[in-house]
Amino acid sequence: MPVEVKNVVKKYGGQRALDDVSFGVGDGQVLGFLGPNGAGKTTMMRIITGIIPADSGSVSVNGVDVLEDSVRVREKTGYLPENNPLYPDMYVREYLQFVASLYRIDNRSRRVRDVIGMTGLGNEQHKKIGALSKGYRQRVGLAQALVNDPDVLILDEPTGGLDPNQIVEIRNLIAEAGKEKTVMLSTHIMQEVEAICDRIIIIKDGRIVADDTRKNISALSGMKKVSVSVEFDRPVAREQLEKIPGAEKVNYSEGNRWIIESADDTDIRAEVFGFAVHSGITVLSLNREERNLESIFRELTG
């Protein structure tokens, strides 16, 4: 297994940043590693990449223990930290050549050329890193993580602070890399996880609270409700809506708009519409809103 974490504990003073964490990441898997700020995501990634040691437990990458041979682990691991530390006075190609030299890569010029093409840096390769937009600096960070052709790619908030177009571009690069490599991705952007991750781990207060495939993760939250968003043409009393068959919980939104939760997976749009017709009320909009990853994340970590 490319990444195997067993019973890892990490303390900062009296606080446990990671509390007996265990999981594995399989070949060619793209893992979304999610959690609120301070949950332990970055600490876990730093331990896997050998930057900091665990207080107890073990971590191995491609069967190599991180503590026993961290150099060998780093040879086949690519890491993009959240703050993306770069040398702003170096040119893009120069910087990637420098990183390639640290890995003692054979034919480094060809490898740098390949990575520049892979990350779309061709037109920017002769510019100083400090002159690039944040989106292109993220591409440089991703290029340095890929330059050693790693088996395992660890990405900590790779799209933080980017505009929507840049997010899509970086997301596509990650998805492409995930076709050949094992990827562990930390992010707060749920659409990103839903778009590219095969599996999701949610961590809270240093402990894993959910671990399953993207398809099955919703079942772990225990939430089976489906919501109906409805807007009427006039005010309606909550007590009236609570009497709609199948309605379990009624939440006011704004104006004349309400969110009505139904039990299990029942779609009660027909009942809501029937209530409106019976009451002589006009429905301006009526939509079914199923639970998404963001609502599940909030339920498990809120």
Protein backbone atom coordinates (compact mmCIF):
# COMPACT_ATOMS: atom_id res chain seq x y z
CA MET A 1 0.00 0.00 0.00
CA PRO A 2 1.50 3.40 -0.99
CA VAL A 3 0.61 5.12 2.30
CA GLU A 4 -0.03 3.30 5.58
CA VAL A 5 -0.67 5.15 8.84
CA LYS A 6 -1.00 3.14 12.07
CA ASN A 7 -2.03 4.50 15.48
CA VAL A 8 -0.29 7.86 15.02
CA VAL A 9 -0.25 10.24 17.97
CA LYS A 10 1.19 13.75 17.88
CA LYS A 11 1.10 16.17 20.80
CA TYR A 12 1.83 19.87 21.04
CA GLY A 13 2.22 20.57 24.73
CA GLY A 14 -0.79 19.04 26.42
CA GLN A 15 -2.91 19.03 23.28
CA ARG A 16 -3.22 16.02 21.00
CA ALA A 17 -3.11 17.23 17.40
CA LEU A 18 -3.49 13.61 16.24
CA ASP A 19 -5.07 11.02 18.48
CA ASP A 20 -4.51 7.37 17.47
CA VAL A 21 -5.04 7.95 13.74
CA SER A 22 -4.93 4.97 11.35
CA PHE A 23 -5.69 4.72 7.63
CA GLY A 24 -4.21 3.60 4.34
CA VAL A 25 -4.23 5.00 0.82
CA GLY A 26 -4.28 2.52 -2.05
CA ASP A 27 -2.61 2.53 -5.47
CA GLY A 28 -3.95 5.17 -7.83
CA GLN A 29 -6.38 6.49 -5.24
CA VAL A 30 -7.22 10.19 -4.84
CA LEU A 31 -7.99 10.75 -1.16
CA GLY A 32 -9.74 13.87 0.11
CA PHE A 33 -8.45 14.62 3.61
CA LEU A 34 -10.95 17.01 5.17
CA GLY A 35 -11.41 18.74 8.49
CA PRO A 36 -11.92 22.16 10.09
CA ASN A 37 -8.96 24.41 10.87
CA GLY A 38 -6.84 22.90 13.62
CA ALA A 39 -8.18 19.37 13.09
CA GLY A 40 -4.71 17.91 12.39
CA LYS A 41 -4.66 17.71 8.58
CA THR A 42 -1.41 19.59 8.01
CA THR A 43 0.26 17.82 10.94
CA MET A 44 -0.63 14.45 9.39
CA MET A 45 0.75 15.46 6.00
CA ARG A 46 4.00 16.70 7.55
CA ILE A 47 4.41 13.40 9.36
CA ILE A 48 3.81 11.39 6.18
CA THR A 49 6.40 13.44 4.29
CA GLY A 50 8.96 13.12 7.10
CA ILE A 51 9.07 16.82 7.99
CA ILE A 52 8.09 16.19 11.61
CA PRO A 53 8.05 12.92 13.59
CA ALA A 54 5.05 11.30 15.23
CA ASP A 55 5.20 10.85 19.00
CA SER A 56 4.00 7.28 18.60
CA GLY A 57 2.63 5.00 15.91
CA SER A 58 4.11 4.36 12.49
CA VAL A 59 3.89 5.71 8.94
CA SER A 60 5.19 3.99 5.82
CA VAL A 61 5.28 5.06 2.17
CA ASN A 62 5.64 2.26 -0.39
CA GLY A 63 6.58 -0.05 2.46
CA VAL A 64 9.39 2.20 3.74
CA ASP A 65 9.10 3.45 7.32
CA VAL A 66 9.29 7.26 7.38
CA LEU A 67 11.33 7.39 10.59
CA GLU A 68 13.77 4.68 9.53
CA ASP A 69 14.53 6.06 6.05
CA SER A 70 12.99 9.49 5.47
CA VAL A 71 15.35 10.26 2.58
CA ARG A 72 14.16 7.25 0.62
CA VAL A 73 10.54 8.19 1.36
CA ARG A 74 11.08 11.74 0.07
CA GLU A 75 12.62 10.43 -3.13
CA LYS A 76 9.24 9.04 -4.17
CA THR A 77 6.97 11.59 -2.49
CA GLY A 78 5.88 14.96 -3.88
CA TYR A 79 4.68 17.60 -1.40
CA LEU A 80 2.97 20.94 -1.95
CA PRO A 81 2.63 22.72 1.43
CA GLU A 82 -0.20 25.11 2.13
CA ASN A 83 2.03 28.19 2.12
CA ASN A 84 3.85 27.08 -1.09
CA PRO A 85 7.35 28.34 -0.20
CA LEU A 86 9.10 29.49 -3.38
CA TYR A 87 12.12 31.63 -4.25
CA PRO A 88 10.60 34.78 -5.81
CA ASP A 89 13.91 35.97 -7.29
CA MET A 90 14.51 32.75 -9.20
CA TYR A 91 13.21 32.13 -12.71
CA VAL A 92 10.67 29.33 -13.10
CA ARG A 93 12.90 27.03 -15.12
CA GLU A 94 15.91 27.85 -12.95
CA TYR A 95 13.96 26.97 -9.80
CA LEU A 96 12.72 23.66 -11.18
CA GLN A 97 16.25 22.80 -12.35
CA PHE A 98 17.42 23.51 -8.80
CA VAL A 99 14.76 21.23 -7.29
CA ALA A 100 15.60 18.50 -9.81
CA SER A 101 19.27 18.75 -8.83
CA LEU A 102 18.35 18.15 -5.17
CA TYR A 103 16.76 14.86 -6.22
CA ARG A 104 19.83 14.02 -8.36
CA ILE A 105 17.53 13.31 -11.30
CA ASP A 106 19.15 11.94 -14.44
CA ASN A 107 18.58 14.06 -17.55
CA ARG A 108 17.04 16.76 -15.39
CA SER A 109 16.62 19.21 -18.30
CA ARG A 110 14.26 16.82 -20.04
CA ARG A 111 12.35 16.14 -16.83
CA VAL A 112 11.97 19.86 -16.13
CA ARG A 113 10.78 20.41 -19.68
CA ASP A 114 8.20 17.64 -19.26
CA VAL A 115 6.91 19.04 -15.97
CA ILE A 116 6.69 22.56 -17.40
CA GLY A 117 4.55 21.21 -20.22
CA MET A 118 2.46 19.14 -17.84
CA THR A 119 1.62 22.12 -15.61
CA GLY A 120 1.11 24.68 -18.38
CA LEU A 121 4.10 26.85 -17.48
CA GLY A 122 5.57 27.04 -20.97
CA ASN A 123 4.91 30.76 -21.47
CA GLU A 124 6.00 31.62 -17.94
CA GLN A 125 9.18 29.53 -17.64
CA HIS A 126 11.56 32.46 -18.28
CA LYS A 127 9.83 34.79 -15.80
CA LYS A 128 10.80 35.34 -12.20
CA ILE A 129 8.51 33.51 -9.78
CA GLY A 130 7.82 36.76 -7.92
CA ALA A 131 6.34 38.25 -11.09
CA LEU A 132 3.77 35.48 -11.53
CA SER A 133 0.11 35.56 -10.55
CA LYS A 134 -0.90 33.41 -7.59
CA GLY A 135 -2.43 30.86 -9.94
CA TYR A 136 0.85 30.41 -11.79
CA ARG A 137 2.81 30.31 -8.54
CA GLN A 138 0.57 27.42 -7.50
CA ARG A 139 1.43 25.74 -10.80
CA VAL A 140 5.13 26.18 -9.99
CA GLY A 141 4.51 24.63 -6.57
CA LEU A 142 2.74 21.70 -8.18
CA ALA A 143 5.54 21.36 -10.75
CA GLN A 144 8.18 21.11 -8.01
CA ALA A 145 6.07 18.44 -6.30
CA LEU A 146 5.98 16.47 -9.56
CA VAL A 147 9.56 16.99 -10.75
CA ASN A 148 10.87 13.82 -9.09
CA ASP A 149 8.02 11.77 -10.66
CA PRO A 150 6.70 10.72 -7.25
CA ASP A 151 4.55 7.67 -6.56
CA VAL A 152 2.70 9.59 -3.82
CA LEU A 153 1.56 13.22 -4.14
CA ILE A 154 0.65 15.14 -0.95
CA LEU A 155 -1.19 18.43 -1.57
CA ASP A 156 -2.15 20.76 1.29
CA GLU A 157 -4.78 23.34 0.22
CA PRO A 158 -3.48 23.52 -3.37
CA THR A 159 -6.21 25.92 -4.54
CA GLY A 160 -6.36 28.23 -1.52
CA GLY A 161 -6.82 31.89 -2.48
CA LEU A 162 -7.31 31.22 -6.20
CA ASP A 163 -10.12 32.61 -8.34
CA PRO A 164 -12.73 30.20 -9.82
CA ASN A 165 -10.94 29.88 -13.17
CA GLN A 166 -7.61 29.14 -11.51
CA ILE A 167 -9.26 26.60 -9.20
CA VAL A 168 -10.63 24.67 -12.17
CA GLU A 169 -7.21 24.72 -13.88
CA ILE A 170 -5.36 23.41 -10.80
CA ARG A 171 -8.13 20.88 -10.17
CA ASN A 172 -7.71 19.52 -13.69
CA LEU A 173 -3.96 19.20 -13.17
CA ILE A 174 -4.52 17.25 -9.96
CA ALA A 175 -7.10 14.99 -11.61
CA GLU A 176 -4.64 14.26 -14.41
CA ALA A 177 -1.86 13.47 -11.93
CA GLY A 178 -4.27 11.19 -10.05
CA LYS A 179 -4.54 8.90 -13.07
CA GLU A 180 -0.99 7.66 -12.45
CA LYS A 181 -0.22 8.49 -8.82
CA THR A 182 -1.60 8.09 -5.34
CA VAL A 183 -2.84 11.53 -4.27
CA MET A 184 -3.70 12.82 -0.80
CA LEU A 185 -5.48 16.16 -1.00
CA SER A 186 -6.42 18.55 1.81
CA THR A 187 -8.93 21.27 0.95
CA HIS A 188 -11.88 23.26 2.25
CA ILE A 189 -13.53 23.37 -1.19
CA MET A 190 -16.13 20.61 -1.17
CA GLN A 191 -16.81 20.83 -4.91
CA GLU A 192 -13.16 20.03 -5.44
CA VAL A 193 -13.42 16.85 -3.40
CA GLU A 194 -16.66 15.81 -5.09
CA ALA A 195 -15.06 16.38 -8.51
CA ILE A 196 -11.78 14.48 -8.17
CA CYS A 197 -11.61 12.34 -5.00
CA ASP A 198 -12.36 8.61 -4.91
CA ARG A 199 -12.37 8.42 -1.14
CA ILE A 200 -12.89 10.86 1.72
CA ILE A 201 -11.53 11.01 5.26
CA ILE A 202 -12.98 13.59 7.64
CA ILE A 203 -10.96 14.40 10.74
CA LYS A 204 -12.05 16.38 13.81
CA ASP A 205 -9.99 17.21 16.90
CA GLY A 206 -7.26 14.83 15.77
CA ARG A 207 -9.58 11.84 15.29
CA ILE A 208 -11.10 10.34 12.15
CA VAL A 209 -14.88 10.70 12.22
CA ALA A 210 -15.58 9.37 8.70
CA ASP A 211 -13.68 7.27 6.17
CA ASP A 212 -15.35 5.87 3.07
CA THR A 213 -15.79 6.25 -0.66
CA ARG A 214 -17.27 9.46 -2.01
CA LYS A 215 -20.45 7.55 -2.85
CA ASN A 216 -20.91 6.03 0.60
CA ILE A 217 -19.73 8.89 2.82
CA SER A 218 -23.23 10.33 3.21
CA ALA A 219 -24.39 7.16 4.97
CA LEU A 220 -21.80 7.62 7.70
CA SER A 221 -23.32 10.89 8.89
CA GLY A 222 -26.63 9.23 9.73
CA MET A 223 -28.44 11.89 7.71
CA LYS A 224 -31.13 10.48 5.47
CA LYS A 225 -33.26 13.59 5.09
CA VAL A 226 -34.06 15.32 1.84
CA SER A 227 -34.91 19.03 1.86
CA VAL A 228 -37.47 20.88 -0.22
CA SER A 229 -36.88 24.58 -0.87
CA VAL A 230 -40.14 26.40 -1.54
CA GLU A 231 -41.01 30.07 -2.08
CA PHE A 232 -44.61 31.26 -1.81
CA ASP A 233 -46.17 34.51 -3.05
CA ARG A 234 -47.28 35.48 0.46
CA PRO A 235 -46.41 34.83 4.13
CA VAL A 236 -47.23 31.35 5.47
CA ALA A 237 -47.29 30.27 9.10
CA ARG A 238 -44.77 27.64 10.22
CA GLU A 239 -47.59 25.71 11.90
CA GLN A 240 -49.31 25.28 8.53
CA LEU A 241 -46.19 23.86 6.89
CA GLU A 242 -45.52 21.47 9.76
CA LYS A 243 -48.85 19.76 8.99
CA ILE A 244 -47.76 18.81 5.44
CA PRO A 245 -47.60 14.99 5.20
CA GLY A 246 -43.99 13.79 5.40
CA ALA A 247 -42.62 17.10 6.71
CA GLU A 248 -40.27 16.47 9.62
CA LYS A 249 -38.65 19.85 10.16
CA VAL A 250 -39.49 23.33 8.86
CA ASN A 251 -36.84 26.07 8.67
CA TYR A 252 -37.46 29.67 7.67
CA SER A 253 -35.04 31.01 5.04
CA GLU A 254 -35.88 34.55 3.90
CA GLY A 255 -38.79 36.48 2.49
CA ASN A 256 -41.50 33.88 1.86
CA ARG A 257 -39.01 31.06 1.35
CA TRP A 258 -38.88 27.96 3.55
CA ILE A 259 -36.74 24.82 3.77
CA ILE A 260 -38.81 21.75 4.62
CA GLU A 261 -36.97 18.56 5.61
CA SER A 262 -38.61 15.22 4.97
CA ALA A 263 -37.98 11.93 6.72
CA ASP A 264 -35.65 9.41 5.08
CA ASP A 265 -35.35 9.91 1.30
CA THR A 266 -38.97 10.91 0.71
CA ASP A 267 -39.60 13.58 -1.92
CA ILE A 268 -42.53 15.66 -0.64
CA ARG A 269 -42.69 18.25 -3.40
CA ALA A 270 -46.09 16.91 -4.48
CA GLU A 271 -47.40 17.27 -0.91
CA VAL A 272 -46.03 20.82 -0.64
CA PHE A 273 -47.62 21.76 -3.96
CA GLY A 274 -50.89 20.15 -2.89
CA PHE A 275 -50.86 22.18 0.33
CA ALA A 276 -50.39 25.37 -1.69
CA VAL A 277 -53.26 24.56 -4.05
CA HIS A 278 -55.57 23.65 -1.15
CA SER A 279 -54.65 26.89 0.65
CA GLY A 280 -55.01 29.10 -2.43
CA ILE A 281 -51.32 30.05 -2.33
CA THR A 282 -49.11 30.46 -5.40
CA VAL A 283 -45.79 28.59 -5.47
CA LEU A 284 -43.03 30.76 -7.01
CA SER A 285 -40.32 28.08 -6.82
CA LEU A 286 -40.09 24.50 -5.59
CA ASN A 287 -36.83 22.53 -5.57
CA ARG A 288 -35.55 19.28 -4.07
CA GLU A 289 -32.20 19.73 -2.26
CA GLU A 290 -30.41 16.52 -1.33
CA ARG A 291 -27.67 16.40 1.26
CA ASN A 292 -24.29 17.27 -0.25
CA LEU A 293 -20.77 16.84 1.06
CA GLU A 294 -20.74 20.31 2.61
CA SER A 295 -23.79 19.59 4.78
CA ILE A 296 -22.34 16.22 5.78
CA PHE A 297 -19.02 17.88 6.69
CA ARG A 298 -20.83 20.42 8.87
CA GLU A 299 -22.86 17.69 10.55
CA LEU A 300 -19.76 15.66 11.43
CA THR A 301 -17.46 18.51 12.46
CA GLY A 302 -19.78 21.33 13.54
